[in-house]
Every structure is written in C-alpha cells, then in structure tokens.
Amino acid sequence: MSLHDDLTAVRRNLDELTRKVERLEQQAAATRGKPAPAPDPSRMVTVPDTPYDSALWTDSDDEGLGARDRRAP
C-alpha cells in the first residue's frame, strides 16, 4: 500500500466515524428527557438476604490474592 492509499483509508474511516458519532448524538438528543424504561420483571432474579453456606467457598481462591496454600512468586 502506498502512502496515498493509507491516507485515503484513514480519511474514509474518519468520515465513517464522524457519521456514526453524529447519529449517536442525534439519538441521544431524541431520548434526552424521556424516562428510562421499566425493567422486565421476567428477567429479574431475587437475591435472598440470608447468608450463603460457607461450604460454597471451601476450595475457592481469594480473588487477587491467589490460592491459600501457595506463595506468590
């Protein structure tokens, strides 16, 4: 590819990006001020307030800390 071809491709991509951003701005302006739609109750999951059984976490690693029986390098 020549430099001219590269510049043409960049210009085309930039023009496409500009059009998409303008379209997004128009969509955002059209929805501004409208209340958010209510969540679909069929997709909601009830999370109980009772504590989880500690046996669920017996073999788990502490996220970010690694396994309990190994040392960090």
N, C-alpha and C. Protein backbone atom coordinates (compact mmCIF):
# COMPACT_ATOMS: atom_id res chain seq x y z
N MET A 1 0.83 -1.18 0.00
CA MET A 1 0.00 0.00 0.00
C MET A 1 0.88 1.25 0.00
N SER A 2 0.46 2.20 -0.75
CA SER A 2 1.21 3.45 -0.80
C SER A 2 0.71 4.40 0.29
N LEU A 3 1.45 5.45 0.48
CA LEU A 3 1.05 6.46 1.46
C LEU A 3 -0.29 7.07 1.09
N HIS A 4 -0.50 7.27 -0.21
CA HIS A 4 -1.77 7.84 -0.68
C HIS A 4 -2.94 6.90 -0.32
N ASP A 5 -2.74 5.60 -0.54
CA ASP A 5 -3.79 4.62 -0.20
C ASP A 5 -4.07 4.62 1.30
N ASP A 6 -3.01 4.70 2.09
CA ASP A 6 -3.18 4.74 3.55
C ASP A 6 -3.97 5.97 3.97
N LEU A 7 -3.62 7.11 3.40
CA LEU A 7 -4.33 8.35 3.75
C LEU A 7 -5.79 8.30 3.31
N THR A 8 -6.04 7.71 2.16
CA THR A 8 -7.42 7.57 1.69
C THR A 8 -8.22 6.68 2.63
N ALA A 9 -7.62 5.58 3.08
CA ALA A 9 -8.30 4.67 4.01
C ALA A 9 -8.56 5.37 5.34
N VAL A 10 -7.58 6.14 5.83
CA VAL A 10 -7.76 6.87 7.08
C VAL A 10 -8.89 7.88 6.94
N ARG A 11 -8.92 8.61 5.83
CA ARG A 11 -9.97 9.61 5.60
C ARG A 11 -11.35 8.95 5.56
N ARG A 12 -11.44 7.81 4.88
CA ARG A 12 -12.71 7.09 4.79
C ARG A 12 -13.17 6.63 6.18
N ASN A 13 -12.25 6.07 6.96
CA ASN A 13 -12.60 5.63 8.32
C ASN A 13 -12.99 6.79 9.21
N LEU A 14 -12.29 7.91 9.07
CA LEU A 14 -12.62 9.09 9.86
C LEU A 14 -13.99 9.64 9.49
N ASP A 15 -14.30 9.66 8.20
CA ASP A 15 -15.62 10.12 7.76
C ASP A 15 -16.72 9.21 8.29
N GLU A 16 -16.48 7.90 8.26
CA GLU A 16 -17.46 6.96 8.79
C GLU A 16 -17.65 7.14 10.29
N LEU A 17 -16.56 7.34 11.01
CA LEU A 17 -16.64 7.57 12.44
C LEU A 17 -17.41 8.85 12.74
N THR A 18 -17.15 9.89 11.98
CA THR A 18 -17.86 11.16 12.17
C THR A 18 -19.36 10.97 11.96
N ARG A 19 -19.74 10.24 10.91
CA ARG A 19 -21.18 9.99 10.66
C ARG A 19 -21.81 9.22 11.81
N LYS A 20 -21.10 8.22 12.32
CA LYS A 20 -21.65 7.41 13.41
C LYS A 20 -21.78 8.22 14.70
N VAL A 21 -20.81 9.07 14.98
CA VAL A 21 -20.89 9.91 16.18
C VAL A 21 -22.05 10.89 16.05
N GLU A 22 -22.24 11.47 14.86
CA GLU A 22 -23.36 12.39 14.65
C GLU A 22 -24.69 11.66 14.85
N ARG A 23 -24.78 10.44 14.34
CA ARG A 23 -26.01 9.65 14.51
C ARG A 23 -26.26 9.35 15.99
N LEU A 24 -25.20 9.01 16.72
CA LEU A 24 -25.33 8.75 18.16
C LEU A 24 -25.79 10.00 18.90
N GLU A 25 -25.22 11.15 18.53
CA GLU A 25 -25.62 12.41 19.17
C GLU A 25 -27.09 12.71 18.91
N GLN A 26 -27.57 12.44 17.69
CA GLN A 26 -28.98 12.65 17.36
C GLN A 26 -29.87 11.73 18.18
N GLN A 27 -29.46 10.47 18.29
CA GLN A 27 -30.25 9.51 19.08
C GLN A 27 -30.27 9.92 20.55
N ALA A 28 -29.15 10.37 21.07
CA ALA A 28 -29.08 10.79 22.47
C ALA A 28 -29.96 12.01 22.70
N ALA A 29 -29.96 12.94 21.76
CA ALA A 29 -30.79 14.13 21.90
C ALA A 29 -32.27 13.77 21.85
N ALA A 30 -32.61 12.77 21.04
CA ALA A 30 -34.01 12.36 20.93
C ALA A 30 -34.51 11.67 22.19
N THR A 31 -33.62 10.99 22.91
CA THR A 31 -34.05 10.26 24.11
C THR A 31 -33.86 11.08 25.38
N ARG A 32 -33.19 12.24 25.27
CA ARG A 32 -32.96 13.07 26.45
C ARG A 32 -34.30 13.53 27.03
N GLY A 33 -34.45 13.42 28.32
CA GLY A 33 -35.67 13.86 28.97
C GLY A 33 -36.74 12.79 29.07
N LYS A 34 -36.58 11.71 28.34
CA LYS A 34 -37.55 10.61 28.43
C LYS A 34 -37.17 9.72 29.60
N PRO A 35 -38.17 9.24 30.35
CA PRO A 35 -37.84 8.34 31.47
C PRO A 35 -37.31 7.01 30.95
N ALA A 36 -36.43 6.41 31.73
CA ALA A 36 -35.88 5.10 31.37
C ALA A 36 -36.99 4.06 31.43
N PRO A 37 -36.95 3.09 30.52
CA PRO A 37 -37.99 2.05 30.55
C PRO A 37 -37.88 1.21 31.82
N ALA A 38 -39.00 0.72 32.29
CA ALA A 38 -39.03 -0.12 33.49
C ALA A 38 -38.35 -1.46 33.19
N PRO A 39 -37.65 -2.03 34.17
CA PRO A 39 -37.01 -3.33 33.93
C PRO A 39 -38.04 -4.42 33.70
N ASP A 40 -37.66 -5.40 32.93
CA ASP A 40 -38.53 -6.53 32.62
C ASP A 40 -38.57 -7.46 33.83
N PRO A 41 -39.72 -7.59 34.51
CA PRO A 41 -39.79 -8.43 35.72
C PRO A 41 -39.45 -9.89 35.47
N SER A 42 -39.65 -10.37 34.25
CA SER A 42 -39.36 -11.78 33.98
C SER A 42 -37.85 -12.06 33.98
N ARG A 43 -37.02 -11.01 33.87
CA ARG A 43 -35.57 -11.19 33.86
C ARG A 43 -34.94 -10.89 35.21
N MET A 44 -35.73 -10.49 36.18
CA MET A 44 -35.19 -10.14 37.50
C MET A 44 -35.01 -11.39 38.35
N VAL A 45 -33.95 -11.39 39.13
CA VAL A 45 -33.65 -12.53 40.00
C VAL A 45 -33.66 -12.03 41.44
N THR A 46 -34.36 -12.72 42.30
CA THR A 46 -34.41 -12.35 43.70
C THR A 46 -33.18 -12.92 44.41
N VAL A 47 -32.47 -12.06 45.13
CA VAL A 47 -31.29 -12.49 45.88
C VAL A 47 -31.69 -12.50 47.36
N PRO A 48 -31.59 -13.65 48.01
CA PRO A 48 -32.02 -13.73 49.40
C PRO A 48 -31.09 -12.94 50.33
N ASP A 49 -31.64 -12.48 51.44
CA ASP A 49 -30.87 -11.75 52.44
C ASP A 49 -30.12 -12.68 53.40
N THR A 50 -30.45 -13.96 53.36
CA THR A 50 -29.81 -14.91 54.27
C THR A 50 -28.36 -15.15 53.83
N PRO A 51 -27.46 -15.43 54.77
CA PRO A 51 -26.06 -15.67 54.42
C PRO A 51 -25.91 -16.95 53.60
N TYR A 52 -24.90 -16.95 52.73
CA TYR A 52 -24.62 -18.14 51.95
C TYR A 52 -23.95 -19.19 52.84
N ASP A 53 -24.09 -20.45 52.45
CA ASP A 53 -23.43 -21.54 53.14
C ASP A 53 -21.92 -21.40 52.91
N SER A 54 -21.13 -21.35 53.97
CA SER A 54 -19.69 -21.15 53.83
C SER A 54 -19.01 -22.32 53.11
N ALA A 55 -19.64 -23.46 53.02
CA ALA A 55 -19.08 -24.60 52.30
C ALA A 55 -18.96 -24.31 50.80
N LEU A 56 -19.72 -23.33 50.31
CA LEU A 56 -19.63 -22.97 48.90
C LEU A 56 -18.24 -22.42 48.56
N TRP A 57 -17.56 -21.85 49.53
CA TRP A 57 -16.29 -21.18 49.28
C TRP A 57 -15.08 -21.99 49.73
N THR A 58 -15.26 -23.25 50.08
CA THR A 58 -14.19 -24.07 50.64
C THR A 58 -12.96 -24.14 49.73
N ASP A 59 -13.13 -24.41 48.45
CA ASP A 59 -12.00 -24.60 47.55
C ASP A 59 -11.71 -23.38 46.67
N SER A 60 -12.27 -22.25 47.03
CA SER A 60 -12.09 -21.06 46.18
C SER A 60 -10.81 -20.31 46.53
N ASP A 61 -10.31 -19.57 45.57
CA ASP A 61 -9.15 -18.70 45.79
C ASP A 61 -9.65 -17.32 46.15
N ASP A 62 -8.86 -16.59 46.91
CA ASP A 62 -9.20 -15.20 47.18
C ASP A 62 -8.81 -14.40 45.94
N GLU A 63 -9.78 -13.78 45.33
CA GLU A 63 -9.52 -13.07 44.09
C GLU A 63 -8.47 -11.99 44.31
N GLY A 64 -7.47 -12.02 43.48
CA GLY A 64 -6.40 -11.05 43.59
C GLY A 64 -5.30 -11.45 44.55
N LEU A 65 -5.56 -12.43 45.40
CA LEU A 65 -4.57 -12.86 46.38
C LEU A 65 -3.99 -14.23 46.06
N GLY A 66 -4.63 -14.97 45.19
CA GLY A 66 -4.15 -16.30 44.83
C GLY A 66 -4.67 -17.37 45.78
N ALA A 67 -4.14 -18.54 45.60
CA ALA A 67 -4.58 -19.68 46.41
C ALA A 67 -4.01 -19.58 47.81
N ARG A 68 -4.73 -20.11 48.78
CA ARG A 68 -4.32 -20.02 50.18
C ARG A 68 -3.08 -20.86 50.48
N ASP A 69 -2.91 -21.97 49.74
CA ASP A 69 -1.81 -22.88 50.06
C ASP A 69 -0.55 -22.63 49.21
N ARG A 70 -0.50 -21.55 48.44
CA ARG A 70 0.66 -21.25 47.60
C ARG A 70 1.16 -19.85 47.90
N ARG A 71 2.44 -19.64 47.58
CA ARG A 71 3.04 -18.33 47.79
C ARG A 71 3.15 -17.60 46.46
N ALA A 72 3.14 -16.31 46.51
CA ALA A 72 3.33 -15.50 45.30
C ALA A 72 4.77 -15.64 44.84
N PRO A 73 5.00 -15.55 43.54
CA PRO A 73 6.39 -15.69 43.04
C PRO A 73 7.28 -14.54 43.49
